[in-house]
Amino acid sequence: MRVAIIAIGDELLSGKTLDYNSHWISKRLFSLGFRIALKITVGDEENEIVEALKLCMRKADIIITTGGLGPTPGDVTLSAIAKALNKKLVRDNDALEMIKRRYRELYEIGFIDSPDITKEREKMAILPEGAKPFYNPIGVAPGVLMKYRGKYIIALPGVPSEMMYLLEAIIPNLPILRGKTVVSREWYIDFRDESLLAKILEEIMQKFKGNIRIKSYPVGFGRQVRMRIIAVVENMPVEKAEELLRNVWEELTMRISNVMGNREHTR
């Protein structure tokens, strides 16, 4: 399944805040067998978020947003999701109870002066119709999961610790590829002709037809340049994927050695 990530926040576009969330979500879901189709960064502007959502829904099966779930007027992610899906915004009683519970906890430990649910705090319980909230024990704003026409939309807070916790809580509700995952290997070779290496890798991918992708990246400078090679097998049982990668590595080392005349140049 393909995943799209939308990072939301003016602070991300201005460079004041690093988008750690997209990086972490990519690594986590990739390890579970999902394919990351695209990432988009937009500001706190509802129409821009709506357009990003519509684009991502054309290209992915799972769309994840980060940021914009708080109590301020600038937090417009949920209203944008409702608009993109043509859904009503409704007060979700489960979400409201989660928010009340969290503010009581914060009040009891002295973090806030009052646990009362103001209009601003209640705003975090206004969700697109049909959304499922997830309790946030680190911050306040619940995470949100929706299913719409066979696609999954996940809204997570922008604070990394909250995002990470809620993503883990929501993952079991996603259609993870059971018994299949992504298996990857990373190799380095002393080989500076990237164009020739590209031809070799293309021929290897043609030989081992299937769910394998191989890419190369130069590492270092000048005479110290080496090639970093990443091979990825998707949607295949782990044992078969590992066997395929072993065969690919043997084929690669043989071809490189034939070109260079020395197998010691690979590891």
C-alpha atoms as a PDB file:
ATOM      1  CA  MET A   1       0.000   0.000   0.000  1.00  0.00           C
ATOM      2  CA  ARG A   2       1.156   3.510  -0.850  1.00  0.00           C
ATOM      3  CA  VAL A   3       1.472   6.223   1.791  1.00  0.00           C
ATOM      4  CA  ALA A   4       1.438  10.006   1.404  1.00  0.00           C
ATOM      5  CA  ILE A   5       2.594  12.332   4.184  1.00  0.00           C
ATOM      6  CA  ILE A   6       1.459  15.938   4.542  1.00  0.00           C
ATOM      7  CA  ALA A   7       3.474  17.998   7.020  1.00  0.00           C
ATOM      8  CA  ILE A   8       1.496  21.073   8.027  1.00  0.00           C
ATOM      9  CA  GLY A   9       2.826  24.261   9.566  1.00  0.00           C
ATOM     10  CA  ASP A  10       4.088  27.711   8.621  1.00  0.00           C
ATOM     11  CA  GLU A  11       7.114  27.033  10.816  1.00  0.00           C
ATOM     12  CA  LEU A  12       8.116  24.155   8.520  1.00  0.00           C
ATOM     13  CA  LEU A  13       7.927  26.260   5.369  1.00  0.00           C
ATOM     14  CA  SER A  14       9.928  29.087   6.939  1.00  0.00           C
ATOM     15  CA  GLY A  15      12.673  26.732   8.071  1.00  0.00           C
ATOM     16  CA  LYS A  16      12.216  27.612  11.744  1.00  0.00           C
ATOM     17  CA  THR A  17      11.327  23.992  12.542  1.00  0.00           C
ATOM     18  CA  LEU A  18      12.838  20.858  11.044  1.00  0.00           C
ATOM     19  CA  ASP A  19      10.334  18.340   9.670  1.00  0.00           C
ATOM     20  CA  TYR A  20      11.424  15.377  11.770  1.00  0.00           C
ATOM     21  CA  ASN A  21       7.933  13.876  11.660  1.00  0.00           C
ATOM     22  CA  SER A  22       7.919  12.985   7.962  1.00  0.00           C
ATOM     23  CA  HIS A  23      11.327  11.341   8.258  1.00  0.00           C
ATOM     24  CA  TRP A  24      10.263   9.218  11.228  1.00  0.00           C
ATOM     25  CA  ILE A  25       6.905   8.206   9.716  1.00  0.00           C
ATOM     26  CA  SER A  26       8.631   7.191   6.473  1.00  0.00           C
ATOM     27  CA  LYS A  27      11.143   4.943   8.234  1.00  0.00           C
ATOM     28  CA  ARG A  28       8.507   3.383  10.475  1.00  0.00           C
ATOM     29  CA  LEU A  29       5.946   2.562   7.799  1.00  0.00           C
ATOM     30  CA  PHE A  30       8.551   1.520   5.241  1.00  0.00           C
ATOM     31  CA  SER A  31       9.779  -1.088   7.735  1.00  0.00           C
ATOM     32  CA  LEU A  32       6.240  -2.480   7.930  1.00  0.00           C
ATOM     33  CA  GLY A  33       5.920  -2.993   4.199  1.00  0.00           C
ATOM     34  CA  PHE A  34       4.270   0.233   3.126  1.00  0.00           C
ATOM     35  CA  ARG A  35       5.615   2.239   0.211  1.00  0.00           C
ATOM     36  CA  ILE A  36       6.053   5.984   0.670  1.00  0.00           C
ATOM     37  CA  ALA A  37       4.614   7.595  -2.450  1.00  0.00           C
ATOM     38  CA  LEU A  38       5.159  11.274  -1.692  1.00  0.00           C
ATOM     39  CA  LYS A  39       5.645  13.922   0.976  1.00  0.00           C
ATOM     40  CA  ILE A  40       4.246  17.439   0.907  1.00  0.00           C
ATOM     41  CA  THR A  41       4.778  20.418   3.195  1.00  0.00           C
ATOM     42  CA  VAL A  42       2.103  23.114   3.370  1.00  0.00           C
ATOM     43  CA  GLY A  43       1.378  26.044   5.639  1.00  0.00           C
ATOM     44  CA  ASP A  44      -1.481  26.609   8.062  1.00  0.00           C
ATOM     45  CA  GLU A  45      -3.910  27.604   5.348  1.00  0.00           C
ATOM     46  CA  GLU A  46      -7.059  25.543   4.917  1.00  0.00           C
ATOM     47  CA  ASN A  47      -7.369  25.666   1.134  1.00  0.00           C
ATOM     48  CA  GLU A  48      -3.714  24.668   0.691  1.00  0.00           C
ATOM     49  CA  ILE A  49      -4.256  21.661   2.962  1.00  0.00           C
ATOM     50  CA  VAL A  50      -7.403  20.709   1.047  1.00  0.00           C
ATOM     51  CA  GLU A  51      -5.507  20.758  -2.256  1.00  0.00           C
ATOM     52  CA  ALA A  52      -2.691  18.673  -0.771  1.00  0.00           C
ATOM     53  CA  LEU A  53      -5.204  16.126   0.537  1.00  0.00           C
ATOM     54  CA  LYS A  54      -6.919  15.806  -2.839  1.00  0.00           C
ATOM     55  CA  LEU A  55      -3.581  15.276  -4.588  1.00  0.00           C
ATOM     56  CA  CYS A  56      -2.474  12.673  -2.072  1.00  0.00           C
ATOM     57  CA  MET A  57      -5.757  10.788  -2.272  1.00  0.00           C
ATOM     58  CA  ARG A  58      -5.189  10.338  -5.995  1.00  0.00           C
ATOM     59  CA  LYS A  59      -1.726   8.880  -5.421  1.00  0.00           C
ATOM     60  CA  ALA A  60      -1.881   6.929  -2.143  1.00  0.00           C
ATOM     61  CA  ASP A  61      -3.970   4.527  -0.096  1.00  0.00           C
ATOM     62  CA  ILE A  62      -3.019   6.011   3.277  1.00  0.00           C
ATOM     63  CA  ILE A  63      -2.708   9.746   3.853  1.00  0.00           C
ATOM     64  CA  ILE A  64      -1.065  10.987   7.043  1.00  0.00           C
ATOM     65  CA  THR A  65      -1.112  14.597   8.181  1.00  0.00           C
ATOM     66  CA  THR A  66       0.973  16.051  10.989  1.00  0.00           C
ATOM     67  CA  GLY A  67       0.213  19.307  12.746  1.00  0.00           C
ATOM     68  CA  GLY A  68      -2.786  21.612  13.003  1.00  0.00           C
ATOM     69  CA  LEU A  69      -4.876  19.727  15.588  1.00  0.00           C
ATOM     70  CA  GLY A  70      -4.598  22.212  18.450  1.00  0.00           C
ATOM     71  CA  PRO A  71      -7.031  24.762  19.951  1.00  0.00           C
ATOM     72  CA  THR A  72      -5.896  27.889  18.099  1.00  0.00           C
ATOM     73  CA  PRO A  73      -7.619  29.504  15.084  1.00  0.00           C
ATOM     74  CA  GLY A  74      -4.573  28.545  12.994  1.00  0.00           C
ATOM     75  CA  ASP A  75      -5.110  24.835  13.640  1.00  0.00           C
ATOM     76  CA  VAL A  76      -7.284  23.966  10.635  1.00  0.00           C
ATOM     77  CA  THR A  77      -6.265  20.443   9.639  1.00  0.00           C
ATOM     78  CA  LEU A  78      -9.496  18.732  10.690  1.00  0.00           C
ATOM     79  CA  SER A  79     -11.689  21.315   8.990  1.00  0.00           C
ATOM     80  CA  ALA A  80      -9.574  20.897   5.849  1.00  0.00           C
ATOM     81  CA  ILE A  81     -10.015  17.120   5.962  1.00  0.00           C
ATOM     82  CA  ALA A  82     -13.779  17.551   6.329  1.00  0.00           C
ATOM     83  CA  LYS A  83     -13.827  19.936   3.377  1.00  0.00           C
ATOM     84  CA  ALA A  84     -11.693  17.661   1.190  1.00  0.00           C
ATOM     85  CA  LEU A  85     -13.929  14.659   1.914  1.00  0.00           C
ATOM     86  CA  ASN A  86     -17.176  16.648   1.780  1.00  0.00           C
ATOM     87  CA  LYS A  87     -17.935  15.665   5.377  1.00  0.00           C
ATOM     88  CA  LYS A  88     -19.623  17.606   8.157  1.00  0.00           C
ATOM     89  CA  LEU A  89     -17.696  18.721  11.220  1.00  0.00           C
ATOM     90  CA  VAL A  90     -19.358  17.360  14.366  1.00  0.00           C
ATOM     91  CA  ARG A  91     -18.589  17.345  18.063  1.00  0.00           C
ATOM     92  CA  ASP A  92     -17.322  13.864  18.878  1.00  0.00           C
ATOM     93  CA  ASN A  93     -18.313  12.833  22.407  1.00  0.00           C
ATOM     94  CA  ASP A  94     -15.502  10.291  22.714  1.00  0.00           C
ATOM     95  CA  ALA A  95     -12.941  12.898  21.718  1.00  0.00           C
ATOM     96  CA  LEU A  96     -14.467  15.385  24.149  1.00  0.00           C
ATOM     97  CA  GLU A  97     -14.198  12.898  27.017  1.00  0.00           C
ATOM     98  CA  MET A  98     -10.551  12.278  26.121  1.00  0.00           C
ATOM     99  CA  ILE A  99      -9.868  16.005  26.220  1.00  0.00           C
ATOM    100  CA  LYS A 100     -11.678  16.440  29.541  1.00  0.00           C
ATOM    101  CA  ARG A 101      -9.732  13.548  31.024  1.00  0.00           C
ATOM    102  CA  ARG A 102      -6.423  14.943  29.827  1.00  0.00           C
ATOM    103  CA  TYR A 103      -7.072  18.444  31.153  1.00  0.00           C
ATOM    104  CA  ARG A 104      -8.074  16.992  34.533  1.00  0.00           C
ATOM    105  CA  GLU A 105      -4.765  15.097  34.604  1.00  0.00           C
ATOM    106  CA  LEU A 106      -2.790  18.219  33.686  1.00  0.00           C
ATOM    107  CA  TYR A 107      -4.635  20.243  36.318  1.00  0.00           C
ATOM    108  CA  GLU A 108      -3.990  17.669  39.044  1.00  0.00           C
ATOM    109  CA  ILE A 109      -0.250  17.733  38.439  1.00  0.00           C
ATOM    110  CA  GLY A 110      -0.155  21.516  38.334  1.00  0.00           C
ATOM    111  CA  PHE A 111       0.522  22.070  34.636  1.00  0.00           C
ATOM    112  CA  ILE A 112      -2.565  24.231  34.076  1.00  0.00           C
ATOM    113  CA  ASP A 113      -4.639  26.559  36.281  1.00  0.00           C
ATOM    114  CA  SER A 114      -8.061  25.201  35.337  1.00  0.00           C
ATOM    115  CA  PRO A 115      -9.457  21.965  33.867  1.00  0.00           C
ATOM    116  CA  ASP A 116     -12.550  23.712  32.506  1.00  0.00           C
ATOM    117  CA  ILE A 117     -13.391  22.979  28.879  1.00  0.00           C
ATOM    118  CA  THR A 118     -13.404  26.314  27.110  1.00  0.00           C
ATOM    119  CA  LYS A 119     -14.608  26.869  23.559  1.00  0.00           C
ATOM    120  CA  GLU A 120     -10.972  26.725  22.387  1.00  0.00           C
ATOM    121  CA  ARG A 121     -10.345  23.407  24.124  1.00  0.00           C
ATOM    122  CA  GLU A 122     -13.616  21.956  22.878  1.00  0.00           C
ATOM    123  CA  LYS A 123     -12.464  22.776  19.334  1.00  0.00           C
ATOM    124  CA  MET A 124     -10.112  19.778  19.474  1.00  0.00           C
ATOM    125  CA  ALA A 125     -13.173  17.500  19.753  1.00  0.00           C
ATOM    126  CA  ILE A 126     -14.754  18.846  16.550  1.00  0.00           C
ATOM    127  CA  LEU A 127     -13.980  16.113  14.033  1.00  0.00           C
ATOM    128  CA  PRO A 128     -15.041  15.186  10.504  1.00  0.00           C
ATOM    129  CA  GLU A 129     -18.132  12.998  10.673  1.00  0.00           C
ATOM    130  CA  GLY A 130     -17.160   9.318  10.919  1.00  0.00           C
ATOM    131  CA  ALA A 131     -13.697   9.937  12.357  1.00  0.00           C
ATOM    132  CA  LYS A 132     -12.329   7.819  15.195  1.00  0.00           C
ATOM    133  CA  PRO A 133     -10.334   9.628  17.912  1.00  0.00           C
ATOM    134  CA  PHE A 134      -7.328   8.185  19.752  1.00  0.00           C
ATOM    135  CA  TYR A 135      -6.388   9.279  23.259  1.00  0.00           C
ATOM    136  CA  ASN A 136      -3.269  11.429  23.550  1.00  0.00           C
ATOM    137  CA  PRO A 137      -1.565  10.877  26.947  1.00  0.00           C
ATOM    138  CA  ILE A 138       1.399  13.091  26.073  1.00  0.00           C
ATOM    139  CA  GLY A 139      -0.303  16.239  24.819  1.00  0.00           C
ATOM    140  CA  VAL A 140      -4.043  16.860  24.560  1.00  0.00           C
ATOM    141  CA  ALA A 141      -5.336  16.805  20.971  1.00  0.00           C
ATOM    142  CA  PRO A 142      -6.508  13.301  20.011  1.00  0.00           C
ATOM    143  CA  GLY A 143      -5.161  11.554  16.962  1.00  0.00           C
ATOM    144  CA  VAL A 144      -7.751  10.874  14.279  1.00  0.00           C
ATOM    145  CA  LEU A 145      -8.365   7.993  11.871  1.00  0.00           C
ATOM    146  CA  MET A 146     -10.878   7.974   9.037  1.00  0.00           C
ATOM    147  CA  LYS A 147     -11.698   5.505   6.298  1.00  0.00           C
ATOM    148  CA  TYR A 148     -13.054   7.039   3.111  1.00  0.00           C
ATOM    149  CA  ARG A 149     -13.740   5.166  -0.137  1.00  0.00           C
ATOM    150  CA  GLY A 150     -11.172   2.498   0.665  1.00  0.00           C
ATOM    151  CA  LYS A 151      -8.521   4.966   1.770  1.00  0.00           C
ATOM    152  CA  TYR A 152      -7.253   5.769   5.260  1.00  0.00           C
ATOM    153  CA  ILE A 153      -6.720   9.309   6.497  1.00  0.00           C
ATOM    154  CA  ILE A 154      -4.706   9.774   9.689  1.00  0.00           C
ATOM    155  CA  ALA A 155      -4.328  13.120  11.449  1.00  0.00           C
ATOM    156  CA  LEU A 156      -1.518  13.352  13.995  1.00  0.00           C
ATOM    157  CA  PRO A 157      -0.268  16.210  16.184  1.00  0.00           C
ATOM    158  CA  GLY A 158       2.824  18.087  15.110  1.00  0.00           C
ATOM    159  CA  VAL A 159       4.776  17.582  18.332  1.00  0.00           C
ATOM    160  CA  PRO A 160       7.104  14.633  17.541  1.00  0.00           C
ATOM    161  CA  SER A 161       6.608  12.753  20.825  1.00  0.00           C
ATOM    162  CA  GLU A 162       2.825  12.950  20.448  1.00  0.00           C
ATOM    163  CA  MET A 163       2.985  12.020  16.773  1.00  0.00           C
ATOM    164  CA  MET A 164       5.120   8.955  17.481  1.00  0.00           C
ATOM    165  CA  TYR A 165       2.887   7.677  20.272  1.00  0.00           C
ATOM    166  CA  LEU A 166      -0.341   8.120  18.333  1.00  0.00           C
ATOM    167  CA  LEU A 167       1.016   6.610  15.136  1.00  0.00           C
ATOM    168  CA  GLU A 168       1.893   3.461  17.082  1.00  0.00           C
ATOM    169  CA  ALA A 169      -1.626   3.430  18.544  1.00  0.00           C
ATOM    170  CA  ILE A 170      -3.198   3.744  15.086  1.00  0.00           C
ATOM    171  CA  ILE A 171      -0.943   1.314  13.187  1.00  0.00           C
ATOM    172  CA  PRO A 172      -2.837  -1.821  14.348  1.00  0.00           C
ATOM    173  CA  ASN A 173      -5.932  -0.401  12.620  1.00  0.00           C
ATOM    174  CA  LEU A 174      -4.197  -0.313   9.221  1.00  0.00           C
ATOM    175  CA  PRO A 175      -4.212  -3.121   6.625  1.00  0.00           C
ATOM    176  CA  ILE A 176      -0.596  -4.176   7.200  1.00  0.00           C
ATOM    177  CA  LEU A 177       0.708  -6.790   4.766  1.00  0.00           C
ATOM    178  CA  ARG A 178       0.649  -9.870   6.960  1.00  0.00           C
ATOM    179  CA  GLY A 179       3.543 -12.280   6.473  1.00  0.00           C
ATOM    180  CA  LYS A 180       5.207  -9.863   4.075  1.00  0.00           C
ATOM    181  CA  THR A 181       7.450  -6.903   4.696  1.00  0.00           C
ATOM    182  CA  VAL A 182      10.262  -4.864   3.218  1.00  0.00           C
ATOM    183  CA  VAL A 183      13.752  -6.351   3.280  1.00  0.00           C
ATOM    184  CA  SER A 184      16.700  -4.170   2.332  1.00  0.00           C
ATOM    185  CA  ARG A 185      20.453  -4.431   2.141  1.00  0.00           C
ATOM    186  CA  GLU A 186      23.114  -1.749   1.956  1.00  0.00           C
ATOM    187  CA  TRP A 187      26.490  -2.372   0.315  1.00  0.00           C
ATOM    188  CA  TYR A 188      29.542  -0.256  -0.514  1.00  0.00           C
ATOM    189  CA  ILE A 189      31.864  -0.756  -3.460  1.00  0.00           C
ATOM    190  CA  ASP A 190      35.045   0.998  -4.610  1.00  0.00           C
ATOM    191  CA  PHE A 191      33.745   1.913  -8.035  1.00  0.00           C
ATOM    192  CA  ARG A 192      33.705   5.495  -9.313  1.00  0.00           C
ATOM    193  CA  ASP A 193      32.048   5.132 -12.724  1.00  0.00           C
ATOM    194  CA  GLU A 194      28.428   5.775 -11.773  1.00  0.00           C
ATOM    195  CA  SER A 195      27.151   5.541 -15.356  1.00  0.00           C
ATOM    196  CA  LEU A 196      28.672   2.078 -15.829  1.00  0.00           C
ATOM    197  CA  LEU A 197      27.348   0.984 -12.444  1.00  0.00           C
ATOM    198  CA  ALA A 198      23.862   2.185 -13.425  1.00  0.00           C
ATOM    199  CA  LYS A 199      23.983  -0.067 -16.501  1.00  0.00           C
ATOM    200  CA  ILE A 200      25.054  -3.049 -14.370  1.00  0.00           C
ATOM    201  CA  LEU A 201      22.283  -2.460 -11.836  1.00  0.00           C
ATOM    202  CA  GLU A 202      19.679  -2.110 -14.563  1.00  0.00           C
ATOM    203  CA  GLU A 203      20.768  -5.423 -16.088  1.00  0.00           C
ATOM    204  CA  ILE A 204      20.618  -7.113 -12.681  1.00  0.00           C
ATOM    205  CA  MET A 205      17.081  -5.825 -12.048  1.00  0.00           C
ATOM    206  CA  GLN A 206      16.068  -7.142 -15.458  1.00  0.00           C
ATOM    207  CA  LYS A 207      17.576 -10.529 -14.666  1.00  0.00           C
ATOM    208  CA  PHE A 208      15.907 -10.829 -11.260  1.00  0.00           C
ATOM    209  CA  LYS A 209      12.487  -9.653 -12.313  1.00  0.00           C
ATOM    210  CA  GLY A 210      10.156  -9.048  -9.395  1.00  0.00           C
ATOM    211  CA  ASN A 211       9.612  -6.658  -6.544  1.00  0.00           C
ATOM    212  CA  ILE A 212      13.199  -5.459  -6.295  1.00  0.00           C
ATOM    213  CA  ARG A 213      14.613  -1.968  -6.606  1.00  0.00           C
ATOM    214  CA  ILE A 214      18.326  -1.105  -6.597  1.00  0.00           C
ATOM    215  CA  LYS A 215      19.793   2.380  -6.399  1.00  0.00           C
ATOM    216  CA  SER A 216      23.314   3.714  -6.072  1.00  0.00           C
ATOM    217  CA  TYR A 217      24.616   6.870  -4.408  1.00  0.00           C
ATOM    218  CA  PRO A 218      28.147   8.295  -4.484  1.00  0.00           C
ATOM    219  CA  VAL A 219      29.741   8.719  -1.061  1.00  0.00           C
ATOM    220  CA  GLY A 220      32.862  10.784  -0.352  1.00  0.00           C
ATOM    221  CA  PHE A 221      34.922  13.176  -2.489  1.00  0.00           C
ATOM    222  CA  GLY A 222      37.552  12.972  -5.212  1.00  0.00           C
ATOM    223  CA  ARG A 223      39.607   9.774  -5.197  1.00  0.00           C
ATOM    224  CA  GLN A 224      37.850   8.700  -2.005  1.00  0.00           C
ATOM    225  CA  VAL A 225      34.480   8.343  -3.712  1.00  0.00           C
ATOM    226  CA  ARG A 226      32.743   5.011  -3.187  1.00  0.00           C
ATOM    227  CA  MET A 227      29.327   3.822  -4.248  1.00  0.00           C
ATOM    228  CA  ARG A 228      26.624   3.115  -1.721  1.00  0.00           C
ATOM    229  CA  ILE A 229      24.122   0.608  -3.082  1.00  0.00           C
ATOM    230  CA  ILE A 230      20.708   0.022  -1.550  1.00  0.00           C
ATOM    231  CA  ALA A 231      18.643  -2.948  -2.680  1.00  0.00           C
ATOM    232  CA  VAL A 232      15.025  -3.249  -1.547  1.00  0.00           C
ATOM    233  CA  VAL A 233      12.611  -6.160  -1.945  1.00  0.00           C
ATOM    234  CA  GLU A 234       8.931  -5.493  -1.282  1.00  0.00           C
ATOM    235  CA  ASN A 235       5.786  -7.596  -0.908  1.00  0.00           C
ATOM    236  CA  MET A 236       7.576 -10.912  -0.633  1.00  0.00           C
ATOM    237  CA  PRO A 237       7.935 -13.395   2.249  1.00  0.00           C
ATOM    238  CA  VAL A 238      11.044 -12.581   4.260  1.00  0.00           C
ATOM    239  CA  GLU A 239      12.868 -15.842   3.509  1.00  0.00           C
ATOM    240  CA  LYS A 240      12.413 -15.476  -0.243  1.00  0.00           C
ATOM    241  CA  ALA A 241      13.391 -11.816  -0.096  1.00  0.00           C
ATOM    242  CA  GLU A 242      16.631 -12.610   1.731  1.00  0.00           C
ATOM    243  CA  GLU A 243      17.472 -15.354  -0.773  1.00  0.00           C
ATOM    244  CA  LEU A 244      16.830 -12.961  -3.652  1.00  0.00           C
ATOM    245  CA  LEU A 245      19.114 -10.344  -2.106  1.00  0.00           C
ATOM    246  CA  ARG A 246      21.902 -12.896  -1.638  1.00  0.00           C
ATOM    247  CA  ASN A 247      21.648 -13.830  -5.309  1.00  0.00           C
ATOM    248  CA  VAL A 248      21.646 -10.171  -6.325  1.00  0.00           C
ATOM    249  CA  TRP A 249      24.781  -9.497  -4.265  1.00  0.00           C
ATOM    250  CA  GLU A 250      26.588 -12.475  -5.795  1.00  0.00           C
ATOM    251  CA  GLU A 251      25.640 -11.306  -9.280  1.00  0.00           C
ATOM    252  CA  LEU A 252      26.736  -7.755  -8.522  1.00  0.00           C
ATOM    253  CA  THR A 253      30.126  -8.728  -7.089  1.00  0.00           C
ATOM    254  CA  MET A 254      30.773 -11.014 -10.066  1.00  0.00           C
ATOM    255  CA  ARG A 255      29.982  -8.277 -12.585  1.00  0.00           C
ATOM    256  CA  ILE A 256      31.998  -5.639 -10.744  1.00  0.00           C
ATOM    257  CA  SER A 257      34.942  -8.019 -10.441  1.00  0.00           C
ATOM    258  CA  ASN A 258      34.768  -8.788 -14.141  1.00  0.00           C
ATOM    259  CA  VAL A 259      35.009  -5.072 -14.864  1.00  0.00           C
ATOM    260  CA  MET A 260      37.695  -4.292 -12.314  1.00  0.00           C
ATOM    261  CA  GLY A 261      39.480  -7.625 -12.263  1.00  0.00           C
ATOM    262  CA  ASN A 262      39.596  -7.689  -8.480  1.00  0.00           C
ATOM    263  CA  ARG A 263      36.842  -8.974  -6.172  1.00  0.00           C
ATOM    264  CA  GLU A 264      38.592  -7.328  -3.197  1.00  0.00           C
ATOM    265  CA  HIS A 265      37.168  -4.004  -4.296  1.00  0.00           C
ATOM    266  CA  THR A 266      33.730  -4.953  -2.932  1.00  0.00           C
ATOM    267  CA  ARG A 267      32.419  -5.650   0.520  1.00  0.00           C
END
